[in-house]
PDB file of all heavy atoms in Angstrom:
ATOM      1  N   SER A   1       0.826  -1.203   0.000  1.00  0.00           N
ATOM      2  CA  SER A   1       0.000   0.000   0.000  1.00  0.00           C
ATOM      3  C   SER A   1       0.862   1.256   0.000  1.00  0.00           C
ATOM      4  O   SER A   1       0.641   2.187  -0.777  1.00  0.00           O
ATOM      5  CB  SER A   1      -0.916  -0.005   1.225  1.00  0.00           C
ATOM      6  OG  SER A   1      -1.656   1.188   1.319  1.00  0.00           O
ATOM      7  N   MET A   2       1.874   1.269   0.861  1.00  0.00           N
ATOM      8  CA  MET A   2       2.730   2.455   0.965  1.00  0.00           C
ATOM      9  C   MET A   2       3.578   2.649  -0.283  1.00  0.00           C
ATOM     10  O   MET A   2       3.897   3.783  -0.662  1.00  0.00           O
ATOM     11  CB  MET A   2       3.610   2.356   2.212  1.00  0.00           C
ATOM     12  CG  MET A   2       2.829   2.480   3.508  1.00  0.00           C
ATOM     13  SD  MET A   2       3.872   2.654   4.981  1.00  0.00           S
ATOM     14  CE  MET A   2       4.519   0.982   5.084  1.00  0.00           C
ATOM     15  N   LYS A   3       3.944   1.535  -0.911  1.00  0.00           N
ATOM     16  CA  LYS A   3       4.744   1.632  -2.140  1.00  0.00           C
ATOM     17  C   LYS A   3       4.005   2.411  -3.217  1.00  0.00           C
ATOM     18  O   LYS A   3       4.613   3.159  -3.997  1.00  0.00           O
ATOM     19  CB  LYS A   3       5.078   0.222  -2.633  1.00  0.00           C
ATOM     20  CG  LYS A   3       5.998   0.178  -3.834  1.00  0.00           C
ATOM     21  CD  LYS A   3       6.346  -1.255  -4.205  1.00  0.00           C
ATOM     22  CE  LYS A   3       7.295  -1.300  -5.384  1.00  0.00           C
ATOM     23  NZ  LYS A   3       7.655  -2.709  -5.740  1.00  0.00           N
ATOM     24  N   LYS A   4       2.697   2.253  -3.270  1.00  0.00           N
ATOM     25  CA  LYS A   4       1.896   2.957  -4.275  1.00  0.00           C
ATOM     26  C   LYS A   4       1.656   4.422  -3.910  1.00  0.00           C
ATOM     27  O   LYS A   4       1.498   5.270  -4.794  1.00  0.00           O
ATOM     28  CB  LYS A   4       0.538   2.259  -4.440  1.00  0.00           C
ATOM     29  CG  LYS A   4       0.621   0.813  -4.915  1.00  0.00           C
ATOM     30  CD  LYS A   4       1.165   0.715  -6.323  1.00  0.00           C
ATOM     31  CE  LYS A   4       1.142  -0.727  -6.812  1.00  0.00           C
ATOM     32  NZ  LYS A   4       1.729  -0.844  -8.172  1.00  0.00           N
ATOM     33  N   LEU A   5       1.607   4.718  -2.621  1.00  0.00           N
ATOM     34  CA  LEU A   5       1.192   6.044  -2.183  1.00  0.00           C
ATOM     35  C   LEU A   5       2.320   6.958  -1.728  1.00  0.00           C
ATOM     36  O   LEU A   5       2.148   8.182  -1.670  1.00  0.00           O
ATOM     37  CB  LEU A   5       0.186   5.916  -1.035  1.00  0.00           C
ATOM     38  CG  LEU A   5      -1.152   5.254  -1.364  1.00  0.00           C
ATOM     39  CD1 LEU A   5      -1.933   5.007  -0.084  1.00  0.00           C
ATOM     40  CD2 LEU A   5      -1.949   6.125  -2.305  1.00  0.00           C
ATOM     41  N   TYR A   6       3.470   6.385  -1.392  1.00  0.00           N
ATOM     42  CA  TYR A   6       4.530   7.185  -0.770  1.00  0.00           C
ATOM     43  C   TYR A   6       5.188   8.155  -1.758  1.00  0.00           C
ATOM     44  O   TYR A   6       5.452   7.814  -2.909  1.00  0.00           O
ATOM     45  CB  TYR A   6       5.607   6.289  -0.166  1.00  0.00           C
ATOM     46  CG  TYR A   6       6.711   7.080   0.493  1.00  0.00           C
ATOM     47  CD1 TYR A   6       6.523   7.644   1.743  1.00  0.00           C
ATOM     48  CD2 TYR A   6       7.916   7.301  -0.168  1.00  0.00           C
ATOM     49  CE1 TYR A   6       7.519   8.402   2.341  1.00  0.00           C
ATOM     50  CE2 TYR A   6       8.917   8.060   0.419  1.00  0.00           C
ATOM     51  CZ  TYR A   6       8.711   8.606   1.675  1.00  0.00           C
ATOM     52  OH  TYR A   6       9.698   9.364   2.258  1.00  0.00           O
ATOM     53  N   LYS A   7       5.465   9.353  -1.266  1.00  0.00           N
ATOM     54  CA  LYS A   7       6.226  10.359  -2.007  1.00  0.00           C
ATOM     55  C   LYS A   7       7.215  11.003  -1.038  1.00  0.00           C
ATOM     56  O   LYS A   7       6.885  11.208   0.142  1.00  0.00           O
ATOM     57  CB  LYS A   7       5.301  11.438  -2.572  1.00  0.00           C
ATOM     58  CG  LYS A   7       4.279  10.939  -3.589  1.00  0.00           C
ATOM     59  CD  LYS A   7       3.435  12.091  -4.123  1.00  0.00           C
ATOM     60  CE  LYS A   7       2.585  12.683  -2.998  1.00  0.00           C
ATOM     61  NZ  LYS A   7       1.698  13.782  -3.492  1.00  0.00           N
ATOM     62  N   PRO A   8       8.420  11.307  -1.491  1.00  0.00           N
ATOM     63  CA  PRO A   8       9.423  11.870  -0.580  1.00  0.00           C
ATOM     64  C   PRO A   8       9.032  13.220   0.018  1.00  0.00           C
ATOM     65  O   PRO A   8       9.543  13.598   1.069  1.00  0.00           O
ATOM     66  CB  PRO A   8      10.673  12.007  -1.468  1.00  0.00           C
ATOM     67  CG  PRO A   8      10.459  11.059  -2.593  1.00  0.00           C
ATOM     68  CD  PRO A   8       8.978  11.042  -2.829  1.00  0.00           C
ATOM     69  N   ASP A   9       8.145  13.950  -0.644  1.00  0.00           N
ATOM     70  CA  ASP A   9       7.801  15.293  -0.190  1.00  0.00           C
ATOM     71  C   ASP A   9       6.476  15.361   0.562  1.00  0.00           C
ATOM     72  O   ASP A   9       5.802  16.393   0.581  1.00  0.00           O
ATOM     73  CB  ASP A   9       7.767  16.261  -1.371  1.00  0.00           C
ATOM     74  CG  ASP A   9       6.738  15.844  -2.436  1.00  0.00           C
ATOM     75  OD1 ASP A   9       6.234  14.706  -2.361  1.00  0.00           O
ATOM     76  OD2 ASP A   9       6.456  16.667  -3.331  1.00  0.00           O
ATOM     77  N   LEU A  10       6.077  14.264   1.200  1.00  0.00           N
ATOM     78  CA  LEU A  10       4.840  14.259   1.974  1.00  0.00           C
ATOM     79  C   LEU A  10       4.903  15.263   3.117  1.00  0.00           C
ATOM     80  O   LEU A  10       5.961  15.488   3.719  1.00  0.00           O
ATOM     81  CB  LEU A  10       4.592  12.870   2.577  1.00  0.00           C
ATOM     82  CG  LEU A  10       4.266  11.709   1.636  1.00  0.00           C
ATOM     83  CD1 LEU A  10       4.194  10.415   2.434  1.00  0.00           C
ATOM     84  CD2 LEU A  10       2.960  11.959   0.893  1.00  0.00           C
ATOM     85  N   THR A  11       3.777  15.862   3.428  1.00  0.00           N
ATOM     86  CA  THR A  11       3.686  16.675   4.638  1.00  0.00           C
ATOM     87  C   THR A  11       3.449  15.745   5.826  1.00  0.00           C
ATOM     88  O   THR A  11       3.173  14.552   5.665  1.00  0.00           O
ATOM     89  CB  THR A  11       2.521  17.670   4.540  1.00  0.00           C
ATOM     90  OG1 THR A  11       1.285  16.926   4.476  1.00  0.00           O
ATOM     91  CG2 THR A  11       2.645  18.547   3.301  1.00  0.00           C
ATOM     92  N   GLU A  12       3.558  16.293   7.023  1.00  0.00           N
ATOM     93  CA  GLU A  12       3.297  15.485   8.219  1.00  0.00           C
ATOM     94  C   GLU A  12       1.871  14.936   8.192  1.00  0.00           C
ATOM     95  O   GLU A  12       1.637  13.767   8.515  1.00  0.00           O
ATOM     96  CB  GLU A  12       3.515  16.318   9.479  1.00  0.00           C
ATOM     97  CG  GLU A  12       3.238  15.563  10.769  1.00  0.00           C
ATOM     98  CD  GLU A  12       3.420  16.420  12.007  1.00  0.00           C
ATOM     99  OE1 GLU A  12       4.349  17.255  12.022  1.00  0.00           O
ATOM    100  OE2 GLU A  12       2.628  16.272  12.964  1.00  0.00           O
ATOM    101  N   SER A  13       0.915  15.754   7.807  1.00  0.00           N
ATOM    102  CA  SER A  13      -0.476  15.327   7.740  1.00  0.00           C
ATOM    103  C   SER A  13      -0.663  14.196   6.729  1.00  0.00           C
ATOM    104  O   SER A  13      -1.366  13.217   6.986  1.00  0.00           O
ATOM    105  CB  SER A  13      -1.367  16.515   7.376  1.00  0.00           C
ATOM    106  OG  SER A  13      -2.708  16.119   7.210  1.00  0.00           O
ATOM    107  N   GLN A  14      -0.022  14.330   5.572  1.00  0.00           N
ATOM    108  CA  GLN A  14      -0.136  13.284   4.554  1.00  0.00           C
ATOM    109  C   GLN A  14       0.532  11.989   5.007  1.00  0.00           C
ATOM    110  O   GLN A  14       0.049  10.899   4.708  1.00  0.00           O
ATOM    111  CB  GLN A  14       0.486  13.778   3.248  1.00  0.00           C
ATOM    112  CG  GLN A  14      -0.313  14.860   2.553  1.00  0.00           C
ATOM    113  CD  GLN A  14       0.408  15.421   1.342  1.00  0.00           C
ATOM    114  OE1 GLN A  14       1.631  15.513   1.308  1.00  0.00           O
ATOM    115  NE2 GLN A  14      -0.348  15.810   0.325  1.00  0.00           N
ATOM    116  N   ALA A  15       1.632  12.101   5.745  1.00  0.00           N
ATOM    117  CA  ALA A  15       2.331  10.906   6.227  1.00  0.00           C
ATOM    118  C   ALA A  15       1.475  10.149   7.243  1.00  0.00           C
ATOM    119  O   ALA A  15       1.431   8.910   7.232  1.00  0.00           O
ATOM    120  CB  ALA A  15       3.671  11.295   6.839  1.00  0.00           C
ATOM    121  N   THR A  16       0.786  10.887   8.126  1.00  0.00           N
ATOM    122  CA  THR A  16      -0.087  10.211   9.096  1.00  0.00           C
ATOM    123  C   THR A  16      -1.265   9.534   8.394  1.00  0.00           C
ATOM    124  O   THR A  16      -1.680   8.441   8.771  1.00  0.00           O
ATOM    125  CB  THR A  16      -0.602  11.199  10.151  1.00  0.00           C
ATOM    126  OG1 THR A  16      -1.247  12.299   9.509  1.00  0.00           O
ATOM    127  CG2 THR A  16       0.538  11.717  11.007  1.00  0.00           C
ATOM    128  N   THR A  17      -1.778  10.183   7.361  1.00  0.00           N
ATOM    129  CA  THR A  17      -2.860   9.572   6.584  1.00  0.00           C
ATOM    130  C   THR A  17      -2.353   8.330   5.853  1.00  0.00           C
ATOM    131  O   THR A  17      -3.050   7.313   5.777  1.00  0.00           O
ATOM    132  CB  THR A  17      -3.430  10.571   5.563  1.00  0.00           C
ATOM    133  OG1 THR A  17      -3.908  11.727   6.248  1.00  0.00           O
ATOM    134  CG2 THR A  17      -4.578   9.962   4.777  1.00  0.00           C
ATOM    135  N   LEU A  18      -1.139   8.387   5.342  1.00  0.00           N
ATOM    136  CA  LEU A  18      -0.543   7.258   4.633  1.00  0.00           C
ATOM    137  C   LEU A  18      -0.452   6.018   5.510  1.00  0.00           C
ATOM    138  O   LEU A  18      -0.822   4.916   5.080  1.00  0.00           O
ATOM    139  CB  LEU A  18       0.851   7.647   4.140  1.00  0.00           C
ATOM    140  CG  LEU A  18       1.718   6.517   3.566  1.00  0.00           C
ATOM    141  CD1 LEU A  18       1.129   5.990   2.270  1.00  0.00           C
ATOM    142  CD2 LEU A  18       3.146   6.988   3.356  1.00  0.00           C
ATOM    143  N   VAL A  19       0.019   6.171   6.764  1.00  0.00           N
ATOM    144  CA  VAL A  19       0.175   4.996   7.621  1.00  0.00           C
ATOM    145  C   VAL A  19      -1.176   4.403   8.002  1.00  0.00           C
ATOM    146  O   VAL A  19      -1.314   3.184   8.154  1.00  0.00           O
ATOM    147  CB  VAL A  19       1.024   5.320   8.879  1.00  0.00           C
ATOM    148  CG1 VAL A  19       2.444   5.693   8.478  1.00  0.00           C
ATOM    149  CG2 VAL A  19       0.395   6.410   9.735  1.00  0.00           C
ATOM    150  N   VAL A  20      -2.185   5.259   8.155  1.00  0.00           N
ATOM    151  CA  VAL A  20      -3.531   4.738   8.435  1.00  0.00           C
ATOM    152  C   VAL A  20      -4.067   3.968   7.238  1.00  0.00           C
ATOM    153  O   VAL A  20      -4.664   2.896   7.380  1.00  0.00           O
ATOM    154  CB  VAL A  20      -4.490   5.888   8.832  1.00  0.00           C
ATOM    155  CG1 VAL A  20      -5.930   5.376   8.935  1.00  0.00           C
ATOM    156  CG2 VAL A  20      -4.067   6.512  10.149  1.00  0.00           C
ATOM    157  N   GLN A  21      -3.836   4.490   6.028  1.00  0.00           N
ATOM    158  CA  GLN A  21      -4.224   3.776   4.810  1.00  0.00           C
ATOM    159  C   GLN A  21      -3.554   2.405   4.768  1.00  0.00           C
ATOM    160  O   GLN A  21      -4.180   1.392   4.410  1.00  0.00           O
ATOM    161  CB  GLN A  21      -3.814   4.588   3.565  1.00  0.00           C
ATOM    162  CG  GLN A  21      -4.619   5.845   3.333  1.00  0.00           C
ATOM    163  CD  GLN A  21      -5.942   5.551   2.621  1.00  0.00           C
ATOM    164  OE1 GLN A  21      -6.425   4.426   2.609  1.00  0.00           O
ATOM    165  NE2 GLN A  21      -6.528   6.569   2.043  1.00  0.00           N
ATOM    166  N   ALA A  22      -2.270   2.363   5.099  1.00  0.00           N
ATOM    167  CA  ALA A  22      -1.520   1.107   5.059  1.00  0.00           C
ATOM    168  C   ALA A  22      -2.069   0.101   6.063  1.00  0.00           C
ATOM    169  O   ALA A  22      -2.179  -1.101   5.768  1.00  0.00           O
ATOM    170  CB  ALA A  22      -0.043   1.378   5.322  1.00  0.00           C
ATOM    171  N   LEU A  23      -2.425   0.563   7.252  1.00  0.00           N
ATOM    172  CA  LEU A  23      -2.986  -0.338   8.259  1.00  0.00           C
ATOM    173  C   LEU A  23      -4.367  -0.842   7.839  1.00  0.00           C
ATOM    174  O   LEU A  23      -4.732  -1.993   8.094  1.00  0.00           O
ATOM    175  CB  LEU A  23      -3.066   0.370   9.618  1.00  0.00           C
ATOM    176  CG  LEU A  23      -1.720   0.646  10.296  1.00  0.00           C
ATOM    177  CD1 LEU A  23      -1.912   1.491  11.547  1.00  0.00           C
ATOM    178  CD2 LEU A  23      -1.015  -0.665  10.649  1.00  0.00           C
ATOM    179  N   TYR A  24      -5.142   0.019   7.194  1.00  0.00           N
ATOM    180  CA  TYR A  24      -6.437  -0.396   6.654  1.00  0.00           C
ATOM    181  C   TYR A  24      -6.244  -1.532   5.648  1.00  0.00           C
ATOM    182  O   TYR A  24      -6.945  -2.550   5.682  1.00  0.00           O
ATOM    183  CB  TYR A  24      -7.110   0.783   5.948  1.00  0.00           C
ATOM    184  CG  TYR A  24      -8.311   1.364   6.661  1.00  0.00           C
ATOM    185  CD1 TYR A  24      -8.291   2.656   7.157  1.00  0.00           C
ATOM    186  CD2 TYR A  24      -9.483   0.617   6.816  1.00  0.00           C
ATOM    187  CE1 TYR A  24      -9.394   3.202   7.796  1.00  0.00           C
ATOM    188  CE2 TYR A  24     -10.588   1.153   7.446  1.00  0.00           C
ATOM    189  CZ  TYR A  24     -10.538   2.446   7.941  1.00  0.00           C
ATOM    190  OH  TYR A  24     -11.641   2.979   8.564  1.00  0.00           O
ATOM    191  N   ASP A  25      -5.293  -1.359   4.721  1.00  0.00           N
ATOM    192  CA  ASP A  25      -5.050  -2.370   3.698  1.00  0.00           C
ATOM    193  C   ASP A  25      -4.538  -3.672   4.300  1.00  0.00           C
ATOM    194  O   ASP A  25      -4.899  -4.762   3.862  1.00  0.00           O
ATOM    195  CB  ASP A  25      -4.058  -1.847   2.658  1.00  0.00           C
ATOM    196  CG  ASP A  25      -4.736  -0.960   1.628  1.00  0.00           C
ATOM    197  OD1 ASP A  25      -5.972  -0.879   1.649  1.00  0.00           O
ATOM    198  OD2 ASP A  25      -4.025  -0.338   0.814  1.00  0.00           O
ATOM    199  N   ALA A  26      -3.670  -3.560   5.316  1.00  0.00           N
ATOM    200  CA  ALA A  26      -3.171  -4.761   5.976  1.00  0.00           C
ATOM    201  C   ALA A  26      -4.303  -5.520   6.649  1.00  0.00           C
ATOM    202  O   ALA A  26      -4.380  -6.752   6.583  1.00  0.00           O
ATOM    203  CB  ALA A  26      -2.097  -4.382   6.996  1.00  0.00           C
ATOM    204  N   ALA A  27      -5.218  -4.777   7.301  1.00  0.00           N
ATOM    205  CA  ALA A  27      -6.346  -5.423   7.985  1.00  0.00           C
ATOM    206  C   ALA A  27      -7.304  -6.085   6.997  1.00  0.00           C
ATOM    207  O   ALA A  27      -7.978  -7.058   7.345  1.00  0.00           O
ATOM    208  CB  ALA A  27      -7.096  -4.395   8.830  1.00  0.00           C
ATOM    209  N   ASP A  28      -7.356  -5.571   5.761  1.00  0.00           N
ATOM    210  CA  ASP A  28      -8.220  -6.172   4.740  1.00  0.00           C
ATOM    211  C   ASP A  28      -7.807  -7.598   4.406  1.00  0.00           C
ATOM    212  O   ASP A  28      -8.650  -8.444   4.095  1.00  0.00           O
ATOM    213  CB  ASP A  28      -8.182  -5.335   3.454  1.00  0.00           C
ATOM    214  CG  ASP A  28      -9.149  -4.158   3.511  1.00  0.00           C
ATOM    215  OD1 ASP A  28      -9.983  -4.136   4.426  1.00  0.00           O
ATOM    216  OD2 ASP A  28      -9.044  -3.276   2.642  1.00  0.00           O
ATOM    217  N   ASP A  29      -6.495  -7.868   4.452  1.00  0.00           N
ATOM    218  CA  ASP A  29      -5.993  -9.163   3.986  1.00  0.00           C
ATOM    219  C   ASP A  29      -5.314 -10.011   5.051  1.00  0.00           C
ATOM    220  O   ASP A  29      -4.989 -11.168   4.800  1.00  0.00           O
ATOM    221  CB  ASP A  29      -5.005  -8.942   2.830  1.00  0.00           C
ATOM    222  CG  ASP A  29      -5.687  -8.363   1.601  1.00  0.00           C
ATOM    223  OD1 ASP A  29      -6.491  -9.080   0.998  1.00  0.00           O
ATOM    224  OD2 ASP A  29      -5.422  -7.195   1.269  1.00  0.00           O
ATOM    225  N   ASP A  30      -5.080  -9.451   6.228  1.00  0.00           N
ATOM    226  CA  ASP A  30      -4.419 -10.192   7.307  1.00  0.00           C
ATOM    227  C   ASP A  30      -5.323 -10.220   8.531  1.00  0.00           C
ATOM    228  O   ASP A  30      -5.618  -9.178   9.111  1.00  0.00           O
ATOM    229  CB  ASP A  30      -3.080  -9.530   7.644  1.00  0.00           C
ATOM    230  CG  ASP A  30      -2.405 -10.191   8.834  1.00  0.00           C
ATOM    231  OD1 ASP A  30      -2.391 -11.440   8.885  1.00  0.00           O
ATOM    232  OD2 ASP A  30      -1.911  -9.464   9.711  1.00  0.00           O
ATOM    233  N   SER A  31      -5.757 -11.407   8.917  1.00  0.00           N
ATOM    234  CA  SER A  31      -6.713 -11.524  10.030  1.00  0.00           C
ATOM    235  C   SER A  31      -6.099 -11.131  11.370  1.00  0.00           C
ATOM    236  O   SER A  31      -6.824 -10.815  12.314  1.00  0.00           O
ATOM    237  CB  SER A  31      -7.247 -12.958  10.109  1.00  0.00           C
ATOM    238  OG  SER A  31      -6.195 -13.878  10.363  1.00  0.00           O
ATOM    239  N   ALA A  32      -4.766 -11.147  11.471  1.00  0.00           N
ATOM    240  CA  ALA A  32      -4.118 -10.798  12.738  1.00  0.00           C
ATOM    241  C   ALA A  32      -3.950  -9.298  12.912  1.00  0.00           C
ATOM    242  O   ALA A  32      -3.548  -8.834  13.974  1.00  0.00           O
ATOM    243  CB  ALA A  32      -2.752 -11.481  12.829  1.00  0.00           C
ATOM    244  N   THR A  33      -4.244  -8.528  11.875  1.00  0.00           N
ATOM    245  CA  THR A  33      -4.146  -7.076  11.947  1.00  0.00           C
ATOM    246  C   THR A  33      -5.538  -6.491  12.152  1.00  0.00           C
ATOM    247  O   THR A  33      -6.454  -6.787  11.393  1.00  0.00           O
ATOM    248  CB  THR A  33      -3.529  -6.495  10.659  1.00  0.00           C
ATOM    249  OG1 THR A  33      -2.246  -7.076  10.450  1.00  0.00           O
ATOM    250  CG2 THR A  33      -3.387  -4.990  10.763  1.00  0.00           C
TER     251      THR A  33
END
């Protein structure tokens, strides 16, 4: 998920949104997340 969304010039707000997106995607496919 992060590989598709990450950019070196992210703001702090965008970076926090990115990690939440990544956790959402992990929970979609991993029952332990």
